[in-house]
Amino acid sequence: GSTLITDCLCPANEYGNSANGACTACPDGGTIAAQTAPASATVATDCACPVNTYGDGSSCTACDNGGDTNGATDVQTAAGCRCAAGYYSTNGSDGAAGCTACPVNTYKVAPGNGDVSQCVACDSSRTSAQGSTLITDCLCPANEYGDNANGACTACPDSGTIAAQSAP
């Protein structure tokens, strides 16, 4: 083996300069392969940001409002994030400007990017909270009853009354 500190290599998930013998963990949970040569992976920007974050490796930021990177690591910009269920792309196309909760009386089941049209309107008189993720979040109003699973509400017969449905 070698007798020189400069021949030492940093382990996985650490970067460094073997000339001074110092290895440093990648910031924010970032990853990097173990060094195979002294001149490789010497600065934080050589690290890759973990899943569901973006950045240059020296700093990683979580995707907006629970968004994700669809399993990808080393995403460089927010544009590589996709919006969570219940959210649409603020800029209408990708995660670059963040994600906005779907409006009241709509829902969005799956993660993905796109404009507000990705949010599906609740049927007829049903209502839902902002950022809803399922059709069953669409609830019948006062004096109507129905099954949350099929989206249909029916007025109580003979002017009967009932409280508005509430989330379980």
C-alpha atoms as a PDB file:
ATOM      1  CA  GLY A   1       0.000   0.000   0.000  1.00  0.00           C
ATOM      2  CA  SER A   2       0.791   3.619  -0.274  1.00  0.00           C
ATOM      3  CA  THR A   3       2.423   5.755   2.385  1.00  0.00           C
ATOM      4  CA  LEU A   4       0.942   9.033   1.072  1.00  0.00           C
ATOM      5  CA  ILE A   5      -2.222  10.712   2.367  1.00  0.00           C
ATOM      6  CA  THR A   6      -2.866  11.968  -1.160  1.00  0.00           C
ATOM      7  CA  ASP A   7      -3.597   8.377  -2.219  1.00  0.00           C
ATOM      8  CA  CYS A   8      -6.559   8.173   0.186  1.00  0.00           C
ATOM      9  CA  LEU A   9     -10.012   8.174  -1.387  1.00  0.00           C
ATOM     10  CA  CYS A  10     -13.338   9.399  -0.018  1.00  0.00           C
ATOM     11  CA  PRO A  11     -16.097   6.810   0.583  1.00  0.00           C
ATOM     12  CA  ALA A  12     -19.558   6.863  -1.001  1.00  0.00           C
ATOM     13  CA  ASN A  13     -21.659   9.967  -0.241  1.00  0.00           C
ATOM     14  CA  GLU A  14     -18.605  12.040   0.641  1.00  0.00           C
ATOM     15  CA  TYR A  15     -16.522  14.383  -1.485  1.00  0.00           C
ATOM     16  CA  GLY A  16     -13.113  15.843  -0.795  1.00  0.00           C
ATOM     17  CA  ASN A  17      -9.626  16.718  -1.770  1.00  0.00           C
ATOM     18  CA  SER A  18      -7.231  13.900  -1.090  1.00  0.00           C
ATOM     19  CA  ALA A  19      -4.322  16.371  -1.066  1.00  0.00           C
ATOM     20  CA  ASN A  20      -5.449  17.530   2.371  1.00  0.00           C
ATOM     21  CA  GLY A  21      -6.979  14.207   3.432  1.00  0.00           C
ATOM     22  CA  ALA A  22     -10.410  15.662   4.225  1.00  0.00           C
ATOM     23  CA  CYS A  23     -13.703  14.089   3.160  1.00  0.00           C
ATOM     24  CA  THR A  24     -17.053  15.824   3.720  1.00  0.00           C
ATOM     25  CA  ALA A  25     -20.557  14.347   3.626  1.00  0.00           C
ATOM     26  CA  CYS A  26     -22.723  15.470   0.735  1.00  0.00           C
ATOM     27  CA  PRO A  27     -25.137  18.205   1.892  1.00  0.00           C
ATOM     28  CA  ASP A  28     -28.861  17.615   2.429  1.00  0.00           C
ATOM     29  CA  GLY A  29     -28.660  13.833   2.104  1.00  0.00           C
ATOM     30  CA  GLY A  30     -27.054  14.018  -1.331  1.00  0.00           C
ATOM     31  CA  THR A  31     -25.276  11.022  -2.832  1.00  0.00           C
ATOM     32  CA  ILE A  32     -22.107  10.325  -4.753  1.00  0.00           C
ATOM     33  CA  ALA A  33     -20.167   7.196  -5.642  1.00  0.00           C
ATOM     34  CA  ALA A  34     -16.996   6.395  -3.744  1.00  0.00           C
ATOM     35  CA  GLN A  35     -13.946   8.065  -5.256  1.00  0.00           C
ATOM     36  CA  THR A  36     -11.952   5.897  -7.610  1.00  0.00           C
ATOM     37  CA  ALA A  37      -9.175   8.416  -8.192  1.00  0.00           C
ATOM     38  CA  PRO A  38      -7.835  11.242  -6.014  1.00  0.00           C
ATOM     39  CA  ALA A  39      -8.915  13.971  -8.453  1.00  0.00           C
ATOM     40  CA  SER A  40     -12.579  12.874  -8.654  1.00  0.00           C
ATOM     41  CA  ALA A  41     -15.520  14.255  -6.630  1.00  0.00           C
ATOM     42  CA  THR A  42     -13.704  17.071  -4.888  1.00  0.00           C
ATOM     43  CA  VAL A  43     -16.514  19.651  -4.484  1.00  0.00           C
ATOM     44  CA  ALA A  44     -20.088  19.594  -3.136  1.00  0.00           C
ATOM     45  CA  THR A  45     -21.554  20.217  -6.586  1.00  0.00           C
ATOM     46  CA  ASP A  46     -20.279  16.749  -7.557  1.00  0.00           C
ATOM     47  CA  CYS A  47     -22.964  15.328  -5.231  1.00  0.00           C
ATOM     48  CA  ALA A  48     -26.450  14.457  -6.522  1.00  0.00           C
ATOM     49  CA  CYS A  49     -29.559  15.664  -4.704  1.00  0.00           C
ATOM     50  CA  PRO A  50     -31.759  12.828  -3.391  1.00  0.00           C
ATOM     51  CA  VAL A  51     -35.205  11.837  -4.667  1.00  0.00           C
ATOM     52  CA  ASN A  52     -37.926  14.516  -4.339  1.00  0.00           C
ATOM     53  CA  THR A  53     -35.401  17.366  -4.132  1.00  0.00           C
ATOM     54  CA  TYR A  54     -33.568  19.521  -6.644  1.00  0.00           C
ATOM     55  CA  GLY A  55     -30.357  21.570  -6.674  1.00  0.00           C
ATOM     56  CA  ASP A  56     -26.736  21.679  -7.753  1.00  0.00           C
ATOM     57  CA  GLY A  57     -25.575  19.179  -5.119  1.00  0.00           C
ATOM     58  CA  SER A  58     -24.153  21.823  -2.792  1.00  0.00           C
ATOM     59  CA  SER A  59     -27.705  22.574  -1.670  1.00  0.00           C
ATOM     60  CA  CYS A  60     -30.898  20.578  -2.217  1.00  0.00           C
ATOM     61  CA  THR A  61     -34.459  21.907  -1.919  1.00  0.00           C
ATOM     62  CA  ALA A  62     -37.611  19.822  -1.488  1.00  0.00           C
ATOM     63  CA  CYS A  63     -40.098  19.921  -4.351  1.00  0.00           C
ATOM     64  CA  ASP A  64     -43.005  22.317  -3.697  1.00  0.00           C
ATOM     65  CA  ASN A  65     -46.155  21.291  -1.776  1.00  0.00           C
ATOM     66  CA  GLY A  66     -45.323  17.589  -1.505  1.00  0.00           C
ATOM     67  CA  GLY A  67     -44.328  17.258  -5.160  1.00  0.00           C
ATOM     68  CA  ASP A  68     -41.814  14.657  -6.255  1.00  0.00           C
ATOM     69  CA  THR A  69     -39.171  13.869  -8.856  1.00  0.00           C
ATOM     70  CA  ASN A  70     -40.875  10.658  -9.990  1.00  0.00           C
ATOM     71  CA  GLY A  71     -38.038   8.633  -8.458  1.00  0.00           C
ATOM     72  CA  ALA A  72     -35.211  10.598 -10.095  1.00  0.00           C
ATOM     73  CA  THR A  73     -32.116  11.825  -8.274  1.00  0.00           C
ATOM     74  CA  ASP A  74     -29.740  14.606  -9.386  1.00  0.00           C
ATOM     75  CA  VAL A  75     -32.606  16.846 -10.537  1.00  0.00           C
ATOM     76  CA  GLN A  76     -31.019  20.253 -11.095  1.00  0.00           C
ATOM     77  CA  THR A  77     -34.016  22.646 -11.104  1.00  0.00           C
ATOM     78  CA  ALA A  78     -37.577  22.868  -9.787  1.00  0.00           C
ATOM     79  CA  ALA A  79     -38.774  22.273 -13.351  1.00  0.00           C
ATOM     80  CA  GLY A  80     -37.832  18.611 -12.781  1.00  0.00           C
ATOM     81  CA  CYS A  81     -40.390  18.278  -9.986  1.00  0.00           C
ATOM     82  CA  ARG A  82     -43.956  17.125 -10.615  1.00  0.00           C
ATOM     83  CA  CYS A  83     -46.928  18.299  -8.625  1.00  0.00           C
ATOM     84  CA  ALA A  84     -48.555  16.041  -6.052  1.00  0.00           C
ATOM     85  CA  ALA A  85     -52.131  14.786  -6.308  1.00  0.00           C
ATOM     86  CA  GLY A  86     -54.451  17.698  -5.503  1.00  0.00           C
ATOM     87  CA  TYR A  87     -52.033  20.241  -7.048  1.00  0.00           C
ATOM     88  CA  TYR A  88     -51.381  21.645 -10.546  1.00  0.00           C
ATOM     89  CA  SER A  89     -48.373  23.472 -12.032  1.00  0.00           C
ATOM     90  CA  THR A  90     -48.486  27.173 -11.144  1.00  0.00           C
ATOM     91  CA  ASN A  91     -46.922  28.023 -14.517  1.00  0.00           C
ATOM     92  CA  GLY A  92     -49.194  25.539 -16.314  1.00  0.00           C
ATOM     93  CA  SER A  93     -46.447  23.196 -17.512  1.00  0.00           C
ATOM     94  CA  ASP A  94     -43.900  22.009 -14.909  1.00  0.00           C
ATOM     95  CA  GLY A  95     -42.734  22.463 -11.333  1.00  0.00           C
ATOM     96  CA  ALA A  96     -40.488  25.486 -12.052  1.00  0.00           C
ATOM     97  CA  ALA A  97     -42.860  28.018 -10.459  1.00  0.00           C
ATOM     98  CA  GLY A  98     -44.176  25.611  -7.844  1.00  0.00           C
ATOM     99  CA  CYS A  99     -47.517  23.898  -7.459  1.00  0.00           C
ATOM    100  CA  THR A 100     -50.903  25.354  -6.551  1.00  0.00           C
ATOM    101  CA  ALA A 101     -53.688  23.489  -4.763  1.00  0.00           C
ATOM    102  CA  CYS A 102     -56.638  22.550  -6.980  1.00  0.00           C
ATOM    103  CA  PRO A 103     -59.554  24.954  -6.433  1.00  0.00           C
ATOM    104  CA  VAL A 104     -62.530  24.157  -4.212  1.00  0.00           C
ATOM    105  CA  ASN A 105     -65.088  21.837  -5.839  1.00  0.00           C
ATOM    106  CA  THR A 106     -62.389  20.009  -7.852  1.00  0.00           C
ATOM    107  CA  TYR A 107     -59.948  17.148  -7.250  1.00  0.00           C
ATOM    108  CA  LYS A 108     -56.825  15.644  -8.877  1.00  0.00           C
ATOM    109  CA  VAL A 109     -56.067  11.985  -8.211  1.00  0.00           C
ATOM    110  CA  ALA A 110     -52.529  11.447  -9.531  1.00  0.00           C
ATOM    111  CA  PRO A 111     -49.272  13.375  -9.364  1.00  0.00           C
ATOM    112  CA  GLY A 112     -48.270  15.204 -12.536  1.00  0.00           C
ATOM    113  CA  ASN A 113     -47.822  18.581 -14.139  1.00  0.00           C
ATOM    114  CA  GLY A 114     -50.133  20.735 -16.200  1.00  0.00           C
ATOM    115  CA  ASP A 115     -52.489  23.657 -15.803  1.00  0.00           C
ATOM    116  CA  VAL A 116     -55.598  23.946 -13.651  1.00  0.00           C
ATOM    117  CA  SER A 117     -57.538  21.814 -16.164  1.00  0.00           C
ATOM    118  CA  GLN A 118     -55.789  18.820 -14.525  1.00  0.00           C
ATOM    119  CA  CYS A 119     -58.200  19.378 -11.616  1.00  0.00           C
ATOM    120  CA  VAL A 120     -61.503  17.579 -12.272  1.00  0.00           C
ATOM    121  CA  ALA A 121     -64.757  19.285 -11.294  1.00  0.00           C
ATOM    122  CA  CYS A 122     -66.975  17.589  -8.725  1.00  0.00           C
ATOM    123  CA  ASP A 123     -70.374  16.484 -10.074  1.00  0.00           C
ATOM    124  CA  SER A 124     -73.279  18.964  -9.991  1.00  0.00           C
ATOM    125  CA  SER A 125     -73.880  20.378  -6.526  1.00  0.00           C
ATOM    126  CA  ARG A 126     -71.086  18.467  -4.773  1.00  0.00           C
ATOM    127  CA  THR A 127     -68.398  20.442  -2.966  1.00  0.00           C
ATOM    128  CA  SER A 128     -64.814  19.690  -2.034  1.00  0.00           C
ATOM    129  CA  ALA A 129     -62.007  21.441  -0.194  1.00  0.00           C
ATOM    130  CA  GLN A 130     -59.090  23.084  -1.953  1.00  0.00           C
ATOM    131  CA  GLY A 131     -56.395  20.508  -2.822  1.00  0.00           C
ATOM    132  CA  SER A 132     -58.732  17.494  -2.854  1.00  0.00           C
ATOM    133  CA  THR A 133     -57.313  14.253  -4.228  1.00  0.00           C
ATOM    134  CA  LEU A 134     -60.254  11.870  -4.685  1.00  0.00           C
ATOM    135  CA  ILE A 135     -63.780  11.911  -6.125  1.00  0.00           C
ATOM    136  CA  THR A 136     -64.929  10.801  -2.680  1.00  0.00           C
ATOM    137  CA  ASP A 137     -63.718  14.199  -1.400  1.00  0.00           C
ATOM    138  CA  CYS A 138     -66.676  15.676  -3.324  1.00  0.00           C
ATOM    139  CA  LEU A 139     -69.487  15.816  -0.753  1.00  0.00           C
ATOM    140  CA  CYS A 140     -73.248  16.352  -0.972  1.00  0.00           C
ATOM    141  CA  PRO A 141     -74.563  19.720   0.275  1.00  0.00           C
ATOM    142  CA  ALA A 142     -77.235  20.224   2.931  1.00  0.00           C
ATOM    143  CA  ASN A 143     -80.615  18.668   2.120  1.00  0.00           C
ATOM    144  CA  GLU A 144     -79.107  16.206  -0.367  1.00  0.00           C
ATOM    145  CA  TYR A 145     -77.826  12.667   0.189  1.00  0.00           C
ATOM    146  CA  GLY A 146     -75.689  10.295  -1.854  1.00  0.00           C
ATOM    147  CA  ASP A 147     -72.827   7.866  -2.054  1.00  0.00           C
ATOM    148  CA  ASN A 148     -69.437   9.602  -2.175  1.00  0.00           C
ATOM    149  CA  ALA A 149     -68.069   6.862  -4.431  1.00  0.00           C
ATOM    150  CA  ASN A 150     -70.391   7.491  -7.395  1.00  0.00           C
ATOM    151  CA  GLY A 151     -70.632  11.270  -7.328  1.00  0.00           C
ATOM    152  CA  ALA A 152     -74.457  11.526  -7.413  1.00  0.00           C
ATOM    153  CA  CYS A 153     -76.448  13.563  -4.875  1.00  0.00           C
ATOM    154  CA  THR A 154     -80.238  13.408  -4.566  1.00  0.00           C
ATOM    155  CA  ALA A 155     -82.523  15.916  -2.879  1.00  0.00           C
ATOM    156  CA  CYS A 156     -84.301  14.698   0.237  1.00  0.00           C
ATOM    157  CA  PRO A 157     -87.932  13.827  -0.631  1.00  0.00           C
ATOM    158  CA  ASP A 158     -90.852  15.958   0.587  1.00  0.00           C
ATOM    159  CA  SER A 159     -88.602  18.921   1.474  1.00  0.00           C
ATOM    160  CA  GLY A 160     -86.758  16.791   4.022  1.00  0.00           C
ATOM    161  CA  THR A 161     -83.559  18.096   5.534  1.00  0.00           C
ATOM    162  CA  ILE A 162     -80.158  16.649   6.249  1.00  0.00           C
ATOM    163  CA  ALA A 163     -76.830  18.213   7.171  1.00  0.00           C
ATOM    164  CA  ALA A 164     -74.199  18.572   4.493  1.00  0.00           C
ATOM    165  CA  GLN A 165     -71.862  15.593   4.245  1.00  0.00           C
ATOM    166  CA  SER A 166     -68.533  15.932   5.973  1.00  0.00           C
ATOM    167  CA  ALA A 167     -65.250  14.241   5.330  1.00  0.00           C
ATOM    168  CA  PRO A 168     -64.866  10.943   7.214  1.00  0.00           C
END
